[in-house]
């Protein structure tokens, strides 16, 4: 692996950012400093946290942990948007599917890294 860009989890996080930005464009103007800003800040924090932890051919678990918490926050925020009728039910369903996919990828990567670090340390 040459770069964090090669990892599917990073690619999925970038796709999620694009999707959220497109969907939040149609939120009401009065939400620009509220929910729109909040959900965008949360989702856009995922790829940099992941990329920032990717150094010297390994991934820092601290950065990955920070990235891992964000999908649940985004899911909650888009659920709020749906309840306020800013998103159609089908948009919410598609978005939640993508958010959960990213969450699963981050979880699997974190577990694999923990196992790898445990094995490299010689402990079980």
PDB file of N, CA and C in Angstrom:
ATOM      1  N   UNK A   1       0.854  -1.169   0.000  1.00  0.00           N
ATOM      2  CA  UNK A   1       0.000   0.000   0.000  1.00  0.00           C
ATOM      3  C   UNK A   1       0.899   1.232   0.000  1.00  0.00           C
ATOM      4  N   UNK A   2       0.671   2.101  -0.961  1.00  0.00           N
ATOM      5  CA  UNK A   2       1.497   3.289  -1.101  1.00  0.00           C
ATOM      6  C   UNK A   2       0.957   4.474  -0.320  1.00  0.00           C
ATOM      7  N   UNK A   3      -0.333   4.546  -0.206  1.00  0.00           N
ATOM      8  CA  UNK A   3      -0.953   5.742   0.361  1.00  0.00           C
ATOM      9  C   UNK A   3      -2.274   5.379   1.025  1.00  0.00           C
ATOM     10  N   UNK A   4      -2.709   6.251   1.928  1.00  0.00           N
ATOM     11  CA  UNK A   4      -4.033   6.081   2.528  1.00  0.00           C
ATOM     12  C   UNK A   4      -5.117   6.119   1.462  1.00  0.00           C
ATOM     13  N   UNK A   5      -4.838   6.777   0.344  1.00  0.00           N
ATOM     14  CA  UNK A   5      -5.807   6.880  -0.758  1.00  0.00           C
ATOM     15  C   UNK A   5      -6.137   5.514  -1.365  1.00  0.00           C
ATOM     16  N   UNK A   6      -5.252   4.550  -1.179  1.00  0.00           N
ATOM     17  CA  UNK A   6      -5.454   3.210  -1.720  1.00  0.00           C
ATOM     18  C   UNK A   6      -6.431   2.371  -0.900  1.00  0.00           C
ATOM     19  N   UNK A   7      -6.722   2.821   0.313  1.00  0.00           N
ATOM     20  CA  UNK A   7      -7.581   2.038   1.201  1.00  0.00           C
ATOM     21  C   UNK A   7      -9.063   2.297   0.920  1.00  0.00           C
ATOM     22  N   UNK A   8      -9.827   1.229   0.869  1.00  0.00           N
ATOM     23  CA  UNK A   8     -11.268   1.360   0.617  1.00  0.00           C
ATOM     24  C   UNK A   8     -11.977   2.194   1.682  1.00  0.00           C
ATOM     25  N   UNK A   9     -11.510   2.095   2.914  1.00  0.00           N
ATOM     26  CA  UNK A   9     -12.161   2.836   3.988  1.00  0.00           C
ATOM     27  C   UNK A   9     -11.990   4.350   3.766  1.00  0.00           C
ATOM     28  N   UNK A  10     -10.848   4.771   3.299  1.00  0.00           N
ATOM     29  CA  UNK A  10     -10.647   6.196   3.006  1.00  0.00           C
ATOM     30  C   UNK A  10     -11.521   6.608   1.820  1.00  0.00           C
ATOM     31  N   UNK A  11     -11.562   5.771   0.796  1.00  0.00           N
ATOM     32  CA  UNK A  11     -12.389   6.061  -0.387  1.00  0.00           C
ATOM     33  C   UNK A  11     -13.860   6.152  -0.003  1.00  0.00           C
ATOM     34  N   UNK A  12     -14.317   5.256   0.864  1.00  0.00           N
ATOM     35  CA  UNK A  12     -15.709   5.280   1.330  1.00  0.00           C
ATOM     36  C   UNK A  12     -15.982   6.551   2.131  1.00  0.00           C
ATOM     37  N   UNK A  13     -15.029   6.958   2.949  1.00  0.00           N
ATOM     38  CA  UNK A  13     -15.233   8.172   3.743  1.00  0.00           C
ATOM     39  C   UNK A  13     -15.324   9.402   2.843  1.00  0.00           C
ATOM     40  N   UNK A  14     -14.553   9.435   1.780  1.00  0.00           N
ATOM     41  CA  UNK A  14     -14.622  10.562   0.835  1.00  0.00           C
ATOM     42  C   UNK A  14     -15.963  10.558   0.086  1.00  0.00           C
ATOM     43  N   UNK A  15     -16.424   9.376  -0.278  1.00  0.00           N
ATOM     44  CA  UNK A  15     -17.730   9.265  -0.934  1.00  0.00           C
ATOM     45  C   UNK A  15     -18.835   9.777  -0.006  1.00  0.00           C
ATOM     46  N   UNK A  16     -18.735   9.428   1.259  1.00  0.00           N
ATOM     47  CA  UNK A  16     -19.731   9.867   2.232  1.00  0.00           C
ATOM     48  C   UNK A  16     -19.722  11.390   2.380  1.00  0.00           C
ATOM     49  N   UNK A  17     -18.548  11.991   2.390  1.00  0.00           N
ATOM     50  CA  UNK A  17     -18.453  13.454   2.458  1.00  0.00           C
ATOM     51  C   UNK A  17     -19.179  14.077   1.272  1.00  0.00           C
ATOM     52  N   UNK A  18     -18.898  13.590   0.083  1.00  0.00           N
ATOM     53  CA  UNK A  18     -19.549  14.123  -1.121  1.00  0.00           C
ATOM     54  C   UNK A  18     -21.069  13.991  -1.036  1.00  0.00           C
ATOM     55  N   UNK A  19     -21.528  12.835  -0.616  1.00  0.00           N
ATOM     56  CA  UNK A  19     -22.959  12.575  -0.526  1.00  0.00           C
ATOM     57  C   UNK A  19     -23.626  13.511   0.473  1.00  0.00           C
ATOM     58  N   UNK A  20     -23.031  13.664   1.642  1.00  0.00           N
ATOM     59  CA  UNK A  20     -23.606  14.536   2.669  1.00  0.00           C
ATOM     60  C   UNK A  20     -23.634  15.986   2.189  1.00  0.00           C
ATOM     61  N   UNK A  21     -22.569  16.438   1.575  1.00  0.00           N
ATOM     62  CA  UNK A  21     -22.548  17.820   1.088  1.00  0.00           C
ATOM     63  C   UNK A  21     -23.643  18.055   0.050  1.00  0.00           C
ATOM     64  N   UNK A  22     -23.830  17.107  -0.854  1.00  0.00           N
ATOM     65  CA  UNK A  22     -24.876  17.249  -1.874  1.00  0.00           C
ATOM     66  C   UNK A  22     -26.267  17.271  -1.250  1.00  0.00           C
ATOM     67  N   UNK A  23     -26.498  16.378  -0.295  1.00  0.00           N
ATOM     68  CA  UNK A  23     -27.821  16.321   0.329  1.00  0.00           C
ATOM     69  C   UNK A  23     -28.110  17.537   1.200  1.00  0.00           C
ATOM     70  N   UNK A  24     -27.100  18.056   1.873  1.00  0.00           N
ATOM     71  CA  UNK A  24     -27.332  19.196   2.767  1.00  0.00           C
ATOM     72  C   UNK A  24     -27.476  20.515   2.007  1.00  0.00           C
ATOM     73  N   UNK A  25     -27.173  20.533   0.730  1.00  0.00           N
ATOM     74  CA  UNK A  25     -27.374  21.745  -0.073  1.00  0.00           C
ATOM     75  C   UNK A  25     -28.839  22.159  -0.117  1.00  0.00           C
ATOM     76  N   UNK A  26     -29.711  21.190   0.040  1.00  0.00           N
ATOM     77  CA  UNK A  26     -31.142  21.499  -0.040  1.00  0.00           C
ATOM     78  C   UNK A  26     -31.785  21.768   1.327  1.00  0.00           C
ATOM     79  N   UNK A  27     -30.986  21.719   2.401  1.00  0.00           N
ATOM     80  CA  UNK A  27     -31.511  22.060   3.722  1.00  0.00           C
ATOM     81  C   UNK A  27     -31.922  23.533   3.715  1.00  0.00           C
ATOM     82  N   UNK A  28     -32.854  23.920   4.564  1.00  0.00           N
ATOM     83  CA  UNK A  28     -33.282  25.323   4.620  1.00  0.00           C
ATOM     84  C   UNK A  28     -32.120  26.266   4.958  1.00  0.00           C
ATOM     85  N   UNK A  29     -32.192  27.480   4.427  1.00  0.00           N
ATOM     86  CA  UNK A  29     -31.145  28.473   4.669  1.00  0.00           C
ATOM     87  C   UNK A  29     -30.931  28.758   6.145  1.00  0.00           C
ATOM     88  N   UNK A  30     -31.994  28.696   6.938  1.00  0.00           N
ATOM     89  CA  UNK A  30     -31.828  28.983   8.365  1.00  0.00           C
ATOM     90  C   UNK A  30     -31.004  27.913   9.084  1.00  0.00           C
ATOM     91  N   UNK A  31     -30.739  26.790   8.429  1.00  0.00           N
ATOM     92  CA  UNK A  31     -29.922  25.724   9.026  1.00  0.00           C
ATOM     93  C   UNK A  31     -28.444  25.834   8.648  1.00  0.00           C
ATOM     94  N   UNK A  32     -28.072  26.831   7.873  1.00  0.00           N
ATOM     95  CA  UNK A  32     -26.683  26.941   7.408  1.00  0.00           C
ATOM     96  C   UNK A  32     -25.682  26.964   8.566  1.00  0.00           C
ATOM     97  N   UNK A  33     -26.048  27.614   9.661  1.00  0.00           N
ATOM     98  CA  UNK A  33     -25.152  27.660  10.824  1.00  0.00           C
ATOM     99  C   UNK A  33     -25.564  26.658  11.894  1.00  0.00           C
ATOM    100  N   UNK A  34     -26.563  25.874  11.605  1.00  0.00           N
ATOM    101  CA  UNK A  34     -27.053  24.876  12.542  1.00  0.00           C
ATOM    102  C   UNK A  34     -26.726  23.478  12.058  1.00  0.00           C
ATOM    103  N   UNK A  35     -27.760  22.752  11.720  1.00  0.00           N
ATOM    104  CA  UNK A  35     -27.618  21.341  11.360  1.00  0.00           C
ATOM    105  C   UNK A  35     -26.742  21.129  10.120  1.00  0.00           C
ATOM    106  N   UNK A  36     -26.897  21.982   9.124  1.00  0.00           N
ATOM    107  CA  UNK A  36     -26.081  21.834   7.911  1.00  0.00           C
ATOM    108  C   UNK A  36     -24.599  21.891   8.267  1.00  0.00           C
ATOM    109  N   UNK A  37     -24.230  22.908   9.013  1.00  0.00           N
ATOM    110  CA  UNK A  37     -22.839  23.085   9.411  1.00  0.00           C
ATOM    111  C   UNK A  37     -22.362  21.926  10.286  1.00  0.00           C
ATOM    112  N   UNK A  38     -23.189  21.508  11.215  1.00  0.00           N
ATOM    113  CA  UNK A  38     -22.809  20.448  12.151  1.00  0.00           C
ATOM    114  C   UNK A  38     -22.554  19.123  11.437  1.00  0.00           C
ATOM    115  N   UNK A  39     -23.484  18.702  10.596  1.00  0.00           N
ATOM    116  CA  UNK A  39     -23.313  17.413   9.924  1.00  0.00           C
ATOM    117  C   UNK A  39     -22.135  17.459   8.950  1.00  0.00           C
ATOM    118  N   UNK A  40     -21.939  18.587   8.296  1.00  0.00           N
ATOM    119  CA  UNK A  40     -20.796  18.711   7.387  1.00  0.00           C
ATOM    120  C   UNK A  40     -19.476  18.661   8.151  1.00  0.00           C
ATOM    121  N   UNK A  41     -19.395  19.357   9.271  1.00  0.00           N
ATOM    122  CA  UNK A  41     -18.157  19.334  10.064  1.00  0.00           C
ATOM    123  C   UNK A  41     -17.843  17.914  10.546  1.00  0.00           C
ATOM    124  N   UNK A  42     -18.874  17.224  10.957  1.00  0.00           N
ATOM    125  CA  UNK A  42     -18.661  15.867  11.464  1.00  0.00           C
ATOM    126  C   UNK A  42     -18.185  14.943  10.366  1.00  0.00           C
ATOM    127  N   UNK A  43     -18.871  14.940   9.234  1.00  0.00           N
ATOM    128  CA  UNK A  43     -18.522  14.003   8.168  1.00  0.00           C
ATOM    129  C   UNK A  43     -17.172  14.352   7.539  1.00  0.00           C
ATOM    130  N   UNK A  44     -16.876  15.635   7.446  1.00  0.00           N
ATOM    131  CA  UNK A  44     -15.619  16.029   6.814  1.00  0.00           C
ATOM    132  C   UNK A  44     -14.422  15.760   7.721  1.00  0.00           C
ATOM    133  N   UNK A  45     -14.656  15.489   8.997  1.00  0.00           N
ATOM    134  CA  UNK A  45     -13.558  15.177   9.910  1.00  0.00           C
ATOM    135  C   UNK A  45     -13.063  13.743   9.752  1.00  0.00           C
ATOM    136  N   UNK A  46     -13.851  12.884   9.143  1.00  0.00           N
ATOM    137  CA  UNK A  46     -13.489  11.466   9.065  1.00  0.00           C
ATOM    138  C   UNK A  46     -12.260  11.223   8.187  1.00  0.00           C
ATOM    139  N   UNK A  47     -12.250  11.655   6.923  1.00  0.00           N
ATOM    140  CA  UNK A  47     -11.067  11.360   6.093  1.00  0.00           C
ATOM    141  C   UNK A  47      -9.761  11.951   6.627  1.00  0.00           C
ATOM    142  N   UNK A  48      -9.738  13.208   7.122  1.00  0.00           N
ATOM    143  CA  UNK A  48      -8.465  13.715   7.637  1.00  0.00           C
ATOM    144  C   UNK A  48      -7.969  12.968   8.874  1.00  0.00           C
ATOM    145  N   UNK A  49      -8.880  12.563   9.761  1.00  0.00           N
ATOM    146  CA  UNK A  49      -8.451  11.786  10.928  1.00  0.00           C
ATOM    147  C   UNK A  49      -7.844  10.462  10.501  1.00  0.00           C
ATOM    148  N   UNK A  50      -8.460   9.854   9.530  1.00  0.00           N
ATOM    149  CA  UNK A  50      -7.950   8.585   9.037  1.00  0.00           C
ATOM    150  C   UNK A  50      -6.605   8.795   8.337  1.00  0.00           C
ATOM    151  N   UNK A  51      -6.546   9.780   7.447  1.00  0.00           N
ATOM    152  CA  UNK A  51      -5.313  10.050   6.704  1.00  0.00           C
ATOM    153  C   UNK A  51      -4.198  10.507   7.637  1.00  0.00           C
ATOM    154  N   UNK A  52      -4.537  11.306   8.652  1.00  0.00           N
ATOM    155  CA  UNK A  52      -3.537  11.781   9.596  1.00  0.00           C
ATOM    156  C   UNK A  52      -2.919  10.671  10.408  1.00  0.00           C
ATOM    157  N   UNK A  53      -3.670   9.613  10.591  1.00  0.00           N
ATOM    158  CA  UNK A  53      -3.150   8.478  11.344  1.00  0.00           C
ATOM    159  C   UNK A  53      -2.346   7.522  10.502  1.00  0.00           C
ATOM    160  N   UNK A  54      -2.380   7.719   9.216  1.00  0.00           N
ATOM    161  CA  UNK A  54      -1.676   6.821   8.305  1.00  0.00           C
ATOM    162  C   UNK A  54      -0.264   7.365   8.081  1.00  0.00           C
ATOM    163  N   UNK A  55       0.683   6.846   8.820  1.00  0.00           N
ATOM    164  CA  UNK A  55       2.049   7.330   8.718  1.00  0.00           C
ATOM    165  C   UNK A  55       3.021   6.171   8.695  1.00  0.00           C
ATOM    166  N   UNK A  56       4.073   6.346   7.971  1.00  0.00           N
ATOM    167  CA  UNK A  56       5.156   5.359   7.918  1.00  0.00           C
ATOM    168  C   UNK A  56       4.656   3.924   7.790  1.00  0.00           C
ATOM    169  N   UNK A  57       3.748   3.728   6.857  1.00  0.00           N
ATOM    170  CA  UNK A  57       3.229   2.403   6.519  1.00  0.00           C
ATOM    171  C   UNK A  57       2.426   1.747   7.642  1.00  0.00           C
ATOM    172  N   UNK A  58       1.934   2.536   8.587  1.00  0.00           N
ATOM    173  CA  UNK A  58       1.011   1.981   9.570  1.00  0.00           C
ATOM    174  C   UNK A  58      -0.041   3.026   9.895  1.00  0.00           C
ATOM    175  N   UNK A  59      -1.057   2.598  10.557  1.00  0.00           N
ATOM    176  CA  UNK A  59      -2.160   3.484  10.896  1.00  0.00           C
ATOM    177  C   UNK A  59      -2.199   3.648  12.404  1.00  0.00           C
ATOM    178  N   UNK A  60      -2.224   4.868  12.850  1.00  0.00           N
ATOM    179  CA  UNK A  60      -2.259   5.193  14.261  1.00  0.00           C
ATOM    180  C   UNK A  60      -3.655   4.891  14.812  1.00  0.00           C
ATOM    181  N   UNK A  61      -3.734   4.071  15.835  1.00  0.00           N
ATOM    182  CA  UNK A  61      -5.029   3.685  16.401  1.00  0.00           C
ATOM    183  C   UNK A  61      -5.777   4.858  17.020  1.00  0.00           C
ATOM    184  N   UNK A  62      -5.061   5.836  17.547  1.00  0.00           N
ATOM    185  CA  UNK A  62      -5.717   7.009  18.135  1.00  0.00           C
ATOM    186  C   UNK A  62      -6.519   7.766  17.070  1.00  0.00           C
ATOM    187  N   UNK A  63      -5.894   8.039  15.928  1.00  0.00           N
ATOM    188  CA  UNK A  63      -6.593   8.740  14.851  1.00  0.00           C
ATOM    189  C   UNK A  63      -7.754   7.899  14.317  1.00  0.00           C
ATOM    190  N   UNK A  64      -7.531   6.616  14.210  1.00  0.00           N
ATOM    191  CA  UNK A  64      -8.588   5.727  13.734  1.00  0.00           C
ATOM    192  C   UNK A  64      -9.760   5.706  14.711  1.00  0.00           C
ATOM    193  N   UNK A  65      -9.480   5.752  15.993  1.00  0.00           N
ATOM    194  CA  UNK A  65     -10.550   5.803  16.996  1.00  0.00           C
ATOM    195  C   UNK A  65     -11.380   7.072  16.853  1.00  0.00           C
ATOM    196  N   UNK A  66     -10.703   8.180  16.592  1.00  0.00           N
ATOM    197  CA  UNK A  66     -11.426   9.444  16.401  1.00  0.00           C
ATOM    198  C   UNK A  66     -12.308   9.357  15.153  1.00  0.00           C
ATOM    199  N   UNK A  67     -11.776   8.788  14.093  1.00  0.00           N
ATOM    200  CA  UNK A  67     -12.556   8.637  12.860  1.00  0.00           C
ATOM    201  C   UNK A  67     -13.724   7.686  13.078  1.00  0.00           C
ATOM    202  N   UNK A  68     -13.522   6.668  13.897  1.00  0.00           N
ATOM    203  CA  UNK A  68     -14.548   5.645  14.122  1.00  0.00           C
ATOM    204  C   UNK A  68     -15.771   6.185  14.854  1.00  0.00           C
ATOM    205  N   UNK A  69     -15.602   7.182  15.688  1.00  0.00           N
ATOM    206  CA  UNK A  69     -16.731   7.739  16.439  1.00  0.00           C
ATOM    207  C   UNK A  69     -17.657   8.576  15.558  1.00  0.00           C
ATOM    208  N   UNK A  70     -17.135   9.138  14.513  1.00  0.00           N
ATOM    209  CA  UNK A  70     -17.903  10.085  13.704  1.00  0.00           C
ATOM    210  C   UNK A  70     -19.093   9.498  12.940  1.00  0.00           C
ATOM    211  N   UNK A  71     -19.022   8.284  12.404  1.00  0.00           N
ATOM    212  CA  UNK A  71     -20.197   7.772  11.690  1.00  0.00           C
ATOM    213  C   UNK A  71     -21.469   7.734  12.537  1.00  0.00           C
ATOM    214  N   UNK A  72     -21.358   7.380  13.809  1.00  0.00           N
ATOM    215  CA  UNK A  72     -22.545   7.369  14.674  1.00  0.00           C
ATOM    216  C   UNK A  72     -23.097   8.779  14.851  1.00  0.00           C
ATOM    217  N   UNK A  73     -22.200   9.752  14.960  1.00  0.00           N
ATOM    218  CA  UNK A  73     -22.642  11.141  15.061  1.00  0.00           C
ATOM    219  C   UNK A  73     -23.355  11.578  13.788  1.00  0.00           C
ATOM    220  N   UNK A  74     -22.777  11.248  12.644  1.00  0.00           N
ATOM    221  CA  UNK A  74     -23.391  11.618  11.361  1.00  0.00           C
ATOM    222  C   UNK A  74     -24.750  10.949  11.221  1.00  0.00           C
ATOM    223  N   UNK A  75     -24.830   9.671  11.592  1.00  0.00           N
ATOM    224  CA  UNK A  75     -26.111   8.964  11.491  1.00  0.00           C
ATOM    225  C   UNK A  75     -27.174   9.641  12.341  1.00  0.00           C
ATOM    226  N   UNK A  76     -26.819  10.057  13.532  1.00  0.00           N
ATOM    227  CA  UNK A  76     -27.765  10.754  14.406  1.00  0.00           C
ATOM    228  C   UNK A  76     -28.189  12.085  13.792  1.00  0.00           C
ATOM    229  N   UNK A  77     -27.244  12.814  13.255  1.00  0.00           N
ATOM    230  CA  UNK A  77     -27.549  14.115  12.665  1.00  0.00           C
ATOM    231  C   UNK A  77     -28.453  14.001  11.432  1.00  0.00           C
ATOM    232  N   UNK A  78     -28.215  13.001  10.598  1.00  0.00           N
ATOM    233  CA  UNK A  78     -29.086  12.854   9.430  1.00  0.00           C
ATOM    234  C   UNK A  78     -30.460  12.319   9.812  1.00  0.00           C
ATOM    235  N   UNK A  79     -30.526  11.568  10.899  1.00  0.00           N
ATOM    236  CA  UNK A  79     -31.836  11.141  11.425  1.00  0.00           C
ATOM    237  C   UNK A  79     -32.627  12.368  11.882  1.00  0.00           C
ATOM    238  N   UNK A  80     -31.958  13.302  12.532  1.00  0.00           N
ATOM    239  CA  UNK A  80     -32.612  14.551  12.929  1.00  0.00           C
ATOM    240  C   UNK A  80     -33.100  15.293  11.684  1.00  0.00           C
ATOM    241  N   UNK A  81     -32.252  15.380  10.683  1.00  0.00           N
ATOM    242  CA  UNK A  81     -32.636  16.054   9.440  1.00  0.00           C
ATOM    243  C   UNK A  81     -33.856  15.395   8.805  1.00  0.00           C
ATOM    244  N   UNK A  82     -33.908  14.092   8.861  1.00  0.00           N
ATOM    245  CA  UNK A  82     -35.049  13.372   8.307  1.00  0.00           C
ATOM    246  C   UNK A  82     -36.325  13.667   9.091  1.00  0.00           C
ATOM    247  N   UNK A  83     -36.198  13.675  10.419  1.00  0.00           N
ATOM    248  CA  UNK A  83     -37.362  13.968  11.259  1.00  0.00           C
ATOM    249  C   UNK A  83     -37.884  15.390  11.048  1.00  0.00           C
ATOM    250  N   UNK A  84     -36.986  16.278  10.653  1.00  0.00           N
ATOM    251  CA  UNK A  84     -37.382  17.656  10.352  1.00  0.00           C
ATOM    252  C   UNK A  84     -37.812  17.806   8.888  1.00  0.00           C
ATOM    253  N   UNK A  85     -37.887  16.686   8.186  1.00  0.00           N
ATOM    254  CA  UNK A  85     -38.281  16.557   6.774  1.00  0.00           C
ATOM    255  C   UNK A  85     -37.336  17.283   5.818  1.00  0.00           C
ATOM    256  N   UNK A  86     -36.065  17.360   6.178  1.00  0.00           N
ATOM    257  CA  UNK A  86     -35.056  17.911   5.275  1.00  0.00           C
ATOM    258  C   UNK A  86     -34.538  16.851   4.316  1.00  0.00           C
ATOM    259  N   UNK A  87     -34.753  15.593   4.662  1.00  0.00           N
ATOM    260  CA  UNK A  87     -34.364  14.463   3.813  1.00  0.00           C
ATOM    261  C   UNK A  87     -35.576  13.588   3.558  1.00  0.00           C
ATOM    262  N   UNK A  88     -35.649  13.046   2.367  1.00  0.00           N
ATOM    263  CA  UNK A  88     -36.688  12.069   2.062  1.00  0.00           C
ATOM    264  C   UNK A  88     -36.349  10.743   2.737  1.00  0.00           C
ATOM    265  N   UNK A  89     -37.344   9.933   3.046  1.00  0.00           N
ATOM    266  CA  UNK A  89     -37.059   8.623   3.662  1.00  0.00           C
ATOM    267  C   UNK A  89     -36.072   7.783   2.848  1.00  0.00           C
ATOM    268  N   UNK A  90     -36.196   7.817   1.532  1.00  0.00           N
ATOM    269  CA  UNK A  90     -35.275   7.045   0.687  1.00  0.00           C
ATOM    270  C   UNK A  90     -33.853   7.592   0.757  1.00  0.00           C
ATOM    271  N   UNK A  91     -33.709   8.908   0.871  1.00  0.00           N
ATOM    272  CA  UNK A  91     -32.381   9.509   1.012  1.00  0.00           C
ATOM    273  C   UNK A  91     -31.750   9.102   2.334  1.00  0.00           C
ATOM    274  N   UNK A  92     -32.552   9.129   3.385  1.00  0.00           N
ATOM    275  CA  UNK A  92     -32.062   8.713   4.700  1.00  0.00           C
ATOM    276  C   UNK A  92     -31.629   7.254   4.668  1.00  0.00           C
ATOM    277  N   UNK A  93     -32.443   6.414   4.091  1.00  0.00           N
ATOM    278  CA  UNK A  93     -32.136   4.976   4.033  1.00  0.00           C
ATOM    279  C   UNK A  93     -30.819   4.736   3.300  1.00  0.00           C
ATOM    280  N   UNK A  94     -30.638   5.371   2.150  1.00  0.00           N
ATOM    281  CA  UNK A  94     -29.405   5.207   1.382  1.00  0.00           C
ATOM    282  C   UNK A  94     -28.193   5.738   2.154  1.00  0.00           C
ATOM    283  N   UNK A  95     -28.371   6.885   2.774  1.00  0.00           N
ATOM    284  CA  UNK A  95     -27.284   7.505   3.512  1.00  0.00           C
ATOM    285  C   UNK A  95     -26.893   6.677   4.731  1.00  0.00           C
ATOM    286  N   UNK A  96     -27.859   6.189   5.457  1.00  0.00           N
ATOM    287  CA  UNK A  96     -27.573   5.352   6.631  1.00  0.00           C
ATOM    288  C   UNK A  96     -26.848   4.075   6.202  1.00  0.00           C
ATOM    289  N   UNK A  97     -27.219   3.518   5.085  1.00  0.00           N
ATOM    290  CA  UNK A  97     -26.533   2.323   4.577  1.00  0.00           C
ATOM    291  C   UNK A  97     -25.050   2.630   4.345  1.00  0.00           C
ATOM    292  N   UNK A  98     -24.754   3.768   3.735  1.00  0.00           N
ATOM    293  CA  UNK A  98     -23.369   4.160   3.463  1.00  0.00           C
ATOM    294  C   UNK A  98     -22.608   4.468   4.754  1.00  0.00           C
ATOM    295  N   UNK A  99     -23.274   5.122   5.694  1.00  0.00           N
ATOM    296  CA  UNK A  99     -22.651   5.442   6.979  1.00  0.00           C
ATOM    297  C   UNK A  99     -22.300   4.154   7.719  1.00  0.00           C
ATOM    298  N   UNK A 100     -23.207   3.208   7.744  1.00  0.00           N
ATOM    299  CA  UNK A 100     -22.964   1.946   8.450  1.00  0.00           C
ATOM    300  C   UNK A 100     -21.879   1.115   7.779  1.00  0.00           C
ATOM    301  N   UNK A 101     -21.822   1.173   6.452  1.00  0.00           N
ATOM    302  CA  UNK A 101     -20.747   0.488   5.738  1.00  0.00           C
ATOM    303  C   UNK A 101     -19.395   1.053   6.161  1.00  0.00           C
ATOM    304  N   UNK A 102     -19.290   2.366   6.209  1.00  0.00           N
ATOM    305  CA  UNK A 102     -18.048   2.991   6.643  1.00  0.00           C
ATOM    306  C   UNK A 102     -17.729   2.611   8.088  1.00  0.00           C
ATOM    307  N   UNK A 103     -18.725   2.643   8.946  1.00  0.00           N
ATOM    308  CA  UNK A 103     -18.514   2.254  10.343  1.00  0.00           C
ATOM    309  C   UNK A 103     -17.984   0.837  10.466  1.00  0.00           C
ATOM    310  N   UNK A 104     -18.537  -0.082   9.687  1.00  0.00           N
ATOM    311  CA  UNK A 104     -18.068  -1.474   9.706  1.00  0.00           C
ATOM    312  C   UNK A 104     -16.633  -1.585   9.205  1.00  0.00           C
ATOM    313  N   UNK A 105     -16.312  -0.823   8.159  1.00  0.00           N
ATOM    314  CA  UNK A 105     -14.950  -0.849   7.619  1.00  0.00           C
ATOM    315  C   UNK A 105     -13.952  -0.320   8.653  1.00  0.00           C
ATOM    316  N   UNK A 106     -14.295   0.766   9.309  1.00  0.00           N
ATOM    317  CA  UNK A 106     -13.418   1.333  10.332  1.00  0.00           C
ATOM    318  C   UNK A 106     -13.243   0.373  11.499  1.00  0.00           C
ATOM    319  N   UNK A 107     -14.329  -0.258  11.915  1.00  0.00           N
ATOM    320  CA  UNK A 107     -14.281  -1.224  13.013  1.00  0.00           C
ATOM    321  C   UNK A 107     -13.382  -2.410  12.652  1.00  0.00           C
ATOM    322  N   UNK A 108     -13.555  -2.937  11.449  1.00  0.00           N
ATOM    323  CA  UNK A 108     -12.755  -4.083  11.008  1.00  0.00           C
ATOM    324  C   UNK A 108     -11.278  -3.711  10.910  1.00  0.00           C
ATOM    325  N   UNK A 109     -10.994  -2.534  10.393  1.00  0.00           N
ATOM    326  CA  UNK A 109      -9.609  -2.095  10.281  1.00  0.00           C
ATOM    327  C   UNK A 109      -8.981  -1.926  11.656  1.00  0.00           C
ATOM    328  N   UNK A 110      -9.703  -1.324  12.561  1.00  0.00           N
ATOM    329  CA  UNK A 110      -9.185  -1.114  13.916  1.00  0.00           C
ATOM    330  C   UNK A 110      -8.899  -2.454  14.609  1.00  0.00           C
ATOM    331  N   UNK A 111      -9.804  -3.411  14.470  1.00  0.00           N
ATOM    332  CA  UNK A 111      -9.585  -4.727  15.070  1.00  0.00           C
ATOM    333  C   UNK A 111      -8.391  -5.437  14.449  1.00  0.00           C
ATOM    334  N   UNK A 112      -8.249  -5.332  13.135  1.00  0.00           N
ATOM    335  CA  UNK A 112      -7.105  -5.952  12.459  1.00  0.00           C
ATOM    336  C   UNK A 112      -5.801  -5.322  12.929  1.00  0.00           C
ATOM    337  N   UNK A 113      -5.800  -4.017  13.111  1.00  0.00           N
ATOM    338  CA  UNK A 113      -4.588  -3.339  13.576  1.00  0.00           C
ATOM    339  C   UNK A 113      -4.249  -3.725  15.011  1.00  0.00           C
ATOM    340  N   UNK A 114      -5.269  -3.833  15.836  1.00  0.00           N
ATOM    341  CA  UNK A 114      -5.028  -4.253  17.223  1.00  0.00           C
ATOM    342  C   UNK A 114      -4.426  -5.655  17.266  1.00  0.00           C
ATOM    343  N   UNK A 115      -4.991  -6.559  16.470  1.00  0.00           N
ATOM    344  CA  UNK A 115      -4.457  -7.926  16.425  1.00  0.00           C
ATOM    345  C   UNK A 115      -3.021  -7.916  15.931  1.00  0.00           C
ATOM    346  N   UNK A 116      -2.764  -7.131  14.906  1.00  0.00           N
ATOM    347  CA  UNK A 116      -1.423  -7.046  14.353  1.00  0.00           C
ATOM    348  C   UNK A 116      -0.432  -6.507  15.371  1.00  0.00           C
ATOM    349  N   UNK A 117      -0.824  -5.478  16.096  1.00  0.00           N
ATOM    350  CA  UNK A 117       0.061  -4.905  17.117  1.00  0.00           C
ATOM    351  C   UNK A 117       0.293  -5.879  18.254  1.00  0.00           C
ATOM    352  N   UNK A 118      -0.740  -6.621  18.628  1.00  0.00           N
ATOM    353  CA  UNK A 118      -0.612  -7.624  19.687  1.00  0.00           C
ATOM    354  C   UNK A 118       0.355  -8.711  19.241  1.00  0.00           C
ATOM    355  N   UNK A 119       0.219  -9.166  17.997  1.00  0.00           N
ATOM    356  CA  UNK A 119       1.101 -10.208  17.479  1.00  0.00           C
ATOM    357  C   UNK A 119       2.533  -9.715  17.348  1.00  0.00           C
ATOM    358  N   UNK A 120       2.711  -8.465  16.970  1.00  0.00           N
ATOM    359  CA  UNK A 120       4.059  -7.908  16.838  1.00  0.00           C
ATOM    360  C   UNK A 120       4.727  -7.688  18.173  1.00  0.00           C
ATOM    361  N   UNK A 121       3.912  -7.455  19.216  1.00  0.00           N
ATOM    362  CA  UNK A 121       4.455  -7.261  20.562  1.00  0.00           C
ATOM    363  C   UNK A 121       4.842  -8.603  21.213  1.00  0.00           C
ATOM    364  N   UNK A 122       4.382  -9.685  20.611  1.00  0.00           N
ATOM    365  CA  UNK A 122       4.672 -11.000  21.156  1.00  0.00           C
ATOM    366  C   UNK A 122       3.767 -11.424  22.283  1.00  0.00           C
ATOM    367  N   UNK A 123       2.726 -10.616  22.556  1.00  0.00           N
ATOM    368  CA  UNK A 123       1.780 -10.986  23.606  1.00  0.00           C
ATOM    369  C   UNK A 123       0.483 -11.459  22.985  1.00  0.00           C
ATOM    370  N   UNK A 124      -0.320 -12.152  23.762  1.00  0.00           N
ATOM    371  CA  UNK A 124      -1.597 -12.655  23.244  1.00  0.00           C
ATOM    372  C   UNK A 124      -2.758 -12.065  23.939  1.00  0.00           C
TER     373      UNK A 124
END
